[in-house]
Amino acid sequence: MRLLVLNCHEAWIYQLRLLDADLDIVVDLPGRAVAGWDTRMRPLPPRAQTLQLFDALALPGSTWDAVVCHNITDLLDTAPIAAPHLLIVHDVLDGRMAQQGATFDRQDMIDRLRAYLGMIGAHAVAVSNAKGASWGVNGRPLLFSADPSDYLTPRQTRAAGLRVANDISAKRVFLNWSFHEEAFAALPVTIVGRNPDMGIEPARDWDELKRHFAEHRFFVHTADPHFEDGYNMAMVEAMAAGLPVVSNAHPTSPLTHGVDGFLAASPGDARAYAEALLADATLARTMGDAARHTAMTRFSPAAFRAGAADAVARAKKKYRRRQRAIAAA
């Protein structure tokens, strides 16, 4: 298998190493904060090389089994490539509209996307049920994956929480940041991510991020249910690394309250749960072990591998069907 992958974010794309595939990754796309492949997020996957979009457009579509896109712009930019297209839906439509201040009709956007996918014979899969439902994308989602064997043995030597988030100022509503601020004010919580306006930087590389996971006592996740899931990839990775999670109560959270993390109804509750974990390393280790088990069962690499392979197969099938219909017209 050989895939052309537009660079959305490195951590998600790095999962594609689980496939038996060569990866041609398109970098330097407009709107990206970092040129090229950002090695602070992940190393370049094995069997991967980078290229520019104009180079990809110059190659025959038969070069690839599928073109993996992450938004509508990617679909449009790669439309000249005569190959199956696979759209990965990463966001909640309502959140995207709110972030962009969009005034278009929500249902009209869903209908337009469905029509365009049909016109080019493309397949779409979402990274969660909620995100798929928001865009009218049906079928089993392609959930994030995390392998506990990728991470260090938990030490939890630092009595502090950890949060991984980029562009916080622009995403305050989505991240339910007011909840975070009220809950964890004056508590030791390390924030890692690309936030230059806050004086906060990402980890130097994946190895440093792994050390953060190993050292901290718990992980923090907050999100507005209207705009984001009750988990993200960083949270799944933290769980795989053996960290319990303190989160606001969220209908799509994979956590079992009091087992692998805490679901707080209020900032005051979240603060109390955080203080309990800060005070009791044994509790944090026990809940962290449960969190690792949840990650292994709910977000396994094997499930991602099977789901990604199935999504590519569906994209190829839809593309062939569309090409036959065009030829017969």
Protein backbone atom coordinates (compact mmCIF):
# COMPACT_ATOMS: atom_id res chain seq x y z
CA MET A 1 0.00 0.00 0.00
CA ARG A 2 1.13 3.54 -0.74
CA LEU A 3 -0.73 6.57 0.60
CA LEU A 4 -0.53 10.28 -0.14
CA VAL A 5 -1.21 12.04 3.17
CA LEU A 6 -1.74 15.76 3.59
CA ASN A 7 -0.14 16.93 6.82
CA CYS A 8 -2.89 17.76 9.30
CA HIS A 9 -1.14 17.08 12.58
CA GLU A 10 1.83 14.87 13.11
CA ALA A 11 0.57 12.87 16.08
CA TRP A 12 -2.46 11.58 14.15
CA ILE A 13 -0.49 10.83 10.99
CA TYR A 14 2.15 8.98 12.98
CA GLN A 15 -0.50 6.34 13.70
CA LEU A 16 -0.44 5.40 10.01
CA ARG A 17 2.89 3.67 10.67
CA LEU A 18 0.70 0.81 11.92
CA LEU A 19 -0.34 0.08 8.35
CA ASP A 20 1.80 -1.89 5.94
CA ALA A 21 2.15 1.21 3.79
CA ASP A 22 4.59 3.68 2.31
CA LEU A 23 3.61 7.26 3.16
CA ASP A 24 4.14 10.32 0.97
CA ILE A 25 3.37 13.24 3.29
CA VAL A 26 2.55 16.64 1.83
CA VAL A 27 4.10 19.41 3.95
CA ASP A 28 4.27 23.23 3.89
CA LEU A 29 0.52 23.59 3.47
CA PRO A 30 -1.00 27.05 4.12
CA GLY A 31 -2.18 27.71 7.66
CA ARG A 32 0.31 25.42 9.32
CA ALA A 33 2.21 26.95 12.26
CA VAL A 34 5.40 25.05 11.40
CA ALA A 35 6.97 24.46 8.00
CA GLY A 36 7.84 20.92 7.05
CA TRP A 37 7.29 17.99 9.37
CA ASP A 38 7.26 19.11 13.03
CA THR A 39 9.59 16.70 14.81
CA ARG A 40 8.59 18.18 18.17
CA MET A 41 5.28 16.39 17.77
CA ARG A 42 6.48 13.06 16.37
CA PRO A 43 9.41 11.64 14.43
CA LEU A 44 8.79 11.07 10.76
CA PRO A 45 7.12 7.65 10.48
CA PRO A 46 9.11 4.73 9.08
CA ARG A 47 8.62 4.27 5.33
CA ALA A 48 7.63 7.94 5.00
CA GLN A 49 8.95 10.80 2.92
CA THR A 50 7.81 14.41 2.57
CA LEU A 51 6.99 16.32 -0.59
CA GLN A 52 5.31 19.50 -1.75
CA LEU A 53 1.75 19.60 -3.06
CA PHE A 54 2.84 20.69 -6.55
CA ASP A 55 5.12 17.65 -6.74
CA ALA A 56 2.25 15.36 -5.76
CA LEU A 57 -0.01 16.94 -8.38
CA ALA A 58 2.60 16.20 -11.05
CA LEU A 59 2.59 12.46 -10.35
CA PRO A 60 0.01 10.02 -11.78
CA GLY A 61 -2.90 9.18 -9.50
CA SER A 62 -2.11 5.49 -9.88
CA THR A 63 0.92 6.13 -7.66
CA TRP A 64 -1.30 5.88 -4.57
CA ASP A 65 -3.91 3.54 -3.19
CA ALA A 66 -5.59 6.55 -1.57
CA VAL A 67 -5.19 10.26 -0.86
CA VAL A 68 -5.78 10.94 2.84
CA CYS A 69 -7.34 14.38 3.43
CA HIS A 70 -8.20 16.13 6.69
CA ASN A 71 -10.55 18.91 5.60
CA ILE A 72 -12.53 20.17 2.64
CA THR A 73 -9.62 22.31 1.45
CA ASP A 74 -7.48 19.17 1.18
CA LEU A 75 -10.19 17.51 -0.92
CA LEU A 76 -10.35 20.47 -3.28
CA ASP A 77 -6.57 20.88 -3.53
CA THR A 78 -6.10 17.22 -4.47
CA ALA A 79 -9.13 16.96 -6.76
CA PRO A 80 -6.89 16.72 -9.89
CA ILE A 81 -5.29 13.52 -8.55
CA ALA A 82 -7.08 10.56 -10.13
CA ALA A 83 -7.03 8.30 -7.08
CA PRO A 84 -9.37 7.25 -4.27
CA HIS A 85 -9.83 9.95 -1.64
CA LEU A 86 -10.35 9.40 2.08
CA LEU A 87 -11.54 12.31 4.26
CA ILE A 88 -10.75 12.13 7.98
CA VAL A 89 -13.20 14.25 10.00
CA HIS A 90 -11.33 15.71 12.96
CA ASP A 91 -13.69 18.34 14.33
CA VAL A 92 -17.27 19.03 15.38
CA LEU A 93 -19.00 21.08 12.69
CA ASP A 94 -20.53 23.44 15.24
CA GLY A 95 -17.10 24.05 16.72
CA ARG A 96 -15.58 24.74 13.32
CA MET A 97 -18.38 27.21 12.55
CA ALA A 98 -17.96 28.98 15.88
CA GLN A 99 -14.18 29.20 15.52
CA GLN A 100 -14.47 30.73 12.05
CA GLY A 101 -17.45 32.93 12.87
CA ALA A 102 -19.29 31.21 10.03
CA THR A 103 -22.83 32.19 9.14
CA PHE A 104 -23.60 29.50 6.55
CA ASP A 105 -26.47 27.10 7.07
CA ARG A 106 -25.28 24.01 8.94
CA GLN A 107 -27.47 21.52 7.07
CA ASP A 108 -26.52 23.07 3.74
CA MET A 109 -22.84 22.42 4.53
CA ILE A 110 -23.61 18.78 5.41
CA ASP A 111 -25.57 18.34 2.18
CA ARG A 112 -22.83 19.97 0.11
CA LEU A 113 -20.13 17.75 1.60
CA ARG A 114 -22.20 14.62 1.02
CA ALA A 115 -22.84 15.64 -2.58
CA TYR A 116 -19.18 16.39 -3.25
CA LEU A 117 -18.02 13.10 -1.77
CA GLY A 118 -20.49 11.32 -4.01
CA MET A 119 -19.41 13.31 -7.06
CA ILE A 120 -15.74 12.34 -6.72
CA GLY A 121 -16.38 8.89 -5.25
CA ALA A 122 -14.66 9.63 -1.93
CA HIS A 123 -15.16 8.05 1.48
CA ALA A 124 -15.28 9.85 4.83
CA VAL A 125 -14.63 8.55 8.33
CA ALA A 126 -14.66 10.50 11.59
CA VAL A 127 -12.35 10.17 14.58
CA SER A 128 -15.32 9.95 16.95
CA ASN A 129 -19.05 9.28 16.89
CA ALA A 130 -19.89 12.84 17.89
CA LYS A 131 -17.74 14.37 15.17
CA GLY A 132 -19.15 12.05 12.55
CA ALA A 133 -22.72 12.84 13.58
CA SER A 134 -22.08 16.58 13.41
CA TRP A 135 -21.04 16.29 9.74
CA GLY A 136 -23.55 13.63 8.76
CA VAL A 137 -20.76 11.06 8.35
CA ASN A 138 -22.14 7.64 9.23
CA GLY A 139 -20.37 4.42 10.13
CA ARG A 140 -17.95 3.27 12.79
CA PRO A 141 -15.43 5.99 13.69
CA LEU A 142 -11.68 5.57 13.35
CA LEU A 143 -10.69 6.13 16.96
CA PHE A 144 -7.28 7.34 18.08
CA SER A 145 -4.86 4.68 19.21
CA ALA A 146 -2.14 4.54 21.83
CA ASP A 147 0.19 1.68 22.71
CA PRO A 148 1.28 1.51 26.35
CA SER A 149 4.53 -0.12 25.22
CA ASP A 150 5.48 3.17 23.53
CA TYR A 151 5.67 4.94 26.89
CA LEU A 152 7.96 4.93 29.90
CA THR A 153 7.20 3.19 33.17
CA PRO A 154 5.11 5.62 35.25
CA ARG A 155 7.09 7.14 38.12
CA GLN A 156 4.69 9.93 39.11
CA THR A 157 7.52 11.52 41.05
CA ARG A 158 6.22 15.02 40.40
CA ALA A 159 3.18 15.96 42.47
CA ALA A 160 1.60 17.94 39.66
CA GLY A 161 -0.99 17.63 36.95
CA LEU A 162 -0.25 17.80 33.23
CA ARG A 163 -2.17 19.26 30.30
CA VAL A 164 -1.20 19.16 26.62
CA ALA A 165 -2.91 21.78 24.44
CA ASN A 166 -2.03 24.06 21.54
CA ASP A 167 -3.50 27.48 20.70
CA ILE A 168 -5.34 27.80 23.99
CA SER A 169 -6.21 31.49 23.56
CA ALA A 170 -7.96 30.80 20.26
CA LYS A 171 -9.76 27.74 21.65
CA ARG A 172 -10.85 28.92 25.10
CA VAL A 173 -14.52 28.13 24.47
CA PHE A 174 -13.80 24.71 22.96
CA LEU A 175 -11.45 23.75 25.77
CA ASN A 176 -13.85 25.02 28.44
CA TRP A 177 -10.86 26.99 29.65
CA SER A 178 -12.77 28.98 32.25
CA PHE A 179 -13.55 25.64 33.96
CA HIS A 180 -9.85 24.74 33.81
CA GLU A 181 -8.76 28.09 35.25
CA GLU A 182 -11.21 28.01 38.13
CA ALA A 183 -10.55 24.36 38.97
CA PHE A 184 -6.76 24.38 38.91
CA ALA A 185 -5.86 27.93 39.91
CA ALA A 186 -2.77 27.89 42.16
CA LEU A 187 -2.49 24.10 41.87
CA PRO A 188 0.67 22.67 40.28
CA VAL A 189 -0.42 21.91 36.71
CA THR A 190 2.15 21.85 33.90
CA ILE A 191 0.88 22.99 30.49
CA VAL A 192 2.73 21.78 27.41
CA GLY A 193 1.92 22.98 23.90
CA ARG A 194 2.35 25.68 21.29
CA ASN A 195 1.11 28.79 23.10
CA PRO A 196 3.65 31.59 22.53
CA ASP A 197 1.27 34.31 23.80
CA MET A 198 1.18 32.49 27.15
CA GLY A 199 4.91 31.80 27.28
CA ILE A 200 4.22 28.07 26.96
CA GLU A 201 6.12 25.83 24.56
CA PRO A 202 5.62 22.31 23.23
CA ALA A 203 7.85 19.46 24.28
CA ARG A 204 11.16 19.40 22.42
CA ASP A 205 10.25 16.01 20.96
CA TRP A 206 8.15 12.93 21.62
CA ASP A 207 10.73 11.58 24.06
CA GLU A 208 10.37 14.66 26.26
CA LEU A 209 6.59 14.37 26.14
CA LYS A 210 6.91 10.76 27.29
CA ARG A 211 9.02 11.94 30.23
CA HIS A 212 6.28 14.41 31.16
CA PHE A 213 3.74 11.58 31.13
CA ALA A 214 5.98 9.40 33.28
CA GLU A 215 6.70 12.08 35.90
CA HIS A 216 3.31 13.72 36.50
CA ARG A 217 0.59 12.55 38.87
CA PHE A 218 -2.50 13.05 36.68
CA PHE A 219 -3.68 14.47 33.35
CA VAL A 220 -6.20 17.28 32.80
CA HIS A 221 -8.84 17.43 30.08
CA THR A 222 -11.72 19.89 29.82
CA ALA A 223 -13.96 20.50 26.82
CA ASP A 224 -17.29 22.10 25.99
CA PRO A 225 -19.65 19.26 24.94
CA HIS A 226 -21.13 21.45 22.19
CA PHE A 227 -17.79 21.82 20.44
CA GLU A 228 -15.43 19.01 21.46
CA ASP A 229 -15.28 15.40 22.60
CA GLY A 230 -14.73 14.36 26.18
CA TYR A 231 -11.28 13.14 25.16
CA ASN A 232 -8.58 13.94 22.65
CA MET A 233 -5.47 12.23 21.41
CA ALA A 234 -3.26 13.67 24.15
CA MET A 235 -5.62 12.33 26.80
CA VAL A 236 -5.64 8.86 25.23
CA GLU A 237 -1.84 8.89 25.16
CA ALA A 238 -1.68 10.01 28.80
CA MET A 239 -3.97 7.14 29.79
CA ALA A 240 -1.81 4.67 27.86
CA ALA A 241 1.18 6.08 29.72
CA GLY A 242 -0.52 5.33 33.05
CA LEU A 243 -2.00 8.66 34.08
CA PRO A 244 -5.47 9.04 35.61
CA VAL A 245 -7.49 11.94 34.21
CA VAL A 246 -9.36 14.79 35.89
CA SER A 247 -12.02 16.10 33.48
CA ASN A 248 -15.21 18.07 33.50
CA ALA A 249 -18.28 15.83 33.28
CA HIS A 250 -18.75 15.15 29.57
CA PRO A 251 -21.24 12.79 27.86
CA THR A 252 -18.63 11.34 25.49
CA SER A 253 -15.85 10.79 28.02
CA PRO A 254 -14.38 7.26 28.04
CA LEU A 255 -13.64 7.59 31.77
CA THR A 256 -15.36 5.63 34.50
CA HIS A 257 -15.65 8.02 37.42
CA GLY A 258 -13.50 7.00 40.35
CA VAL A 259 -11.84 4.16 38.43
CA ASP A 260 -9.52 5.54 35.74
CA GLY A 261 -10.19 9.21 36.40
CA PHE A 262 -12.65 11.71 37.77
CA LEU A 263 -15.57 13.44 36.01
CA ALA A 264 -16.23 16.70 37.79
CA ALA A 265 -19.63 18.39 37.78
CA SER A 266 -18.08 21.69 38.90
CA PRO A 267 -14.67 23.34 39.07
CA GLY A 268 -14.76 22.88 42.83
CA ASP A 269 -15.22 19.14 42.41
CA ALA A 270 -12.35 18.99 39.90
CA ARG A 271 -10.11 20.81 42.35
CA ALA A 272 -10.96 18.37 45.14
CA TYR A 273 -10.22 15.39 42.89
CA ALA A 274 -6.90 16.92 41.81
CA GLU A 275 -5.94 17.59 45.42
CA ALA A 276 -6.71 13.96 46.32
CA LEU A 277 -4.38 12.71 43.58
CA LEU A 278 -1.67 15.19 44.54
CA ALA A 279 -1.83 13.98 48.13
CA ASP A 280 -1.97 10.24 47.43
CA ALA A 281 0.57 8.75 45.03
CA THR A 282 -0.81 5.25 45.62
CA LEU A 283 -4.28 6.35 44.52
CA ALA A 284 -2.79 7.95 41.41
CA ARG A 285 -0.88 4.76 40.53
CA THR A 286 -3.93 2.56 41.03
CA MET A 287 -6.14 4.77 38.90
CA GLY A 288 -3.34 5.16 36.37
CA ASP A 289 -3.18 1.38 35.95
CA ALA A 290 -6.92 1.41 35.28
CA ALA A 291 -6.49 4.24 32.78
CA ARG A 292 -3.88 2.21 30.91
CA HIS A 293 -6.30 -0.71 30.74
CA THR A 294 -9.02 1.57 29.34
CA ALA A 295 -6.63 2.85 26.67
CA MET A 296 -5.65 -0.70 25.72
CA THR A 297 -9.25 -1.87 25.37
CA ARG A 298 -10.92 1.23 23.93
CA PHE A 299 -8.10 2.70 21.81
CA SER A 300 -5.91 -0.20 20.73
CA PRO A 301 -3.40 -0.01 17.86
CA ALA A 302 -4.91 -3.21 16.44
CA ALA A 303 -8.33 -1.57 16.19
CA PHE A 304 -6.83 1.51 14.51
CA ARG A 305 -4.91 -0.65 12.04
CA ALA A 306 -8.02 -2.59 11.08
CA GLY A 307 -10.18 0.54 10.92
CA ALA A 308 -7.70 2.48 8.79
CA ALA A 309 -7.28 -0.43 6.38
CA ASP A 310 -11.06 -0.76 6.10
CA ALA A 311 -11.43 2.99 5.44
CA VAL A 312 -8.88 2.84 2.62
CA ALA A 313 -10.64 -0.20 1.15
CA ARG A 314 -13.98 1.61 1.24
CA ALA A 315 -12.44 4.66 -0.44
CA LYS A 316 -11.07 2.46 -3.22
CA LYS A 317 -14.42 0.72 -3.67
CA LYS A 318 -16.35 3.99 -3.89
CA TYR A 319 -13.82 5.45 -6.31
CA ARG A 320 -14.00 2.43 -8.62
CA ARG A 321 -17.80 2.50 -8.51
CA ARG A 322 -17.81 6.19 -9.41
CA GLN A 323 -15.37 5.66 -12.27
CA ARG A 324 -17.55 2.89 -13.68
CA ALA A 325 -20.59 5.15 -13.49
CA ILE A 326 -18.74 7.93 -15.33
CA ALA A 327 -17.56 5.51 -18.02
CA ALA A 328 -21.07 4.18 -18.48
CA ALA A 329 -22.66 7.63 -18.73
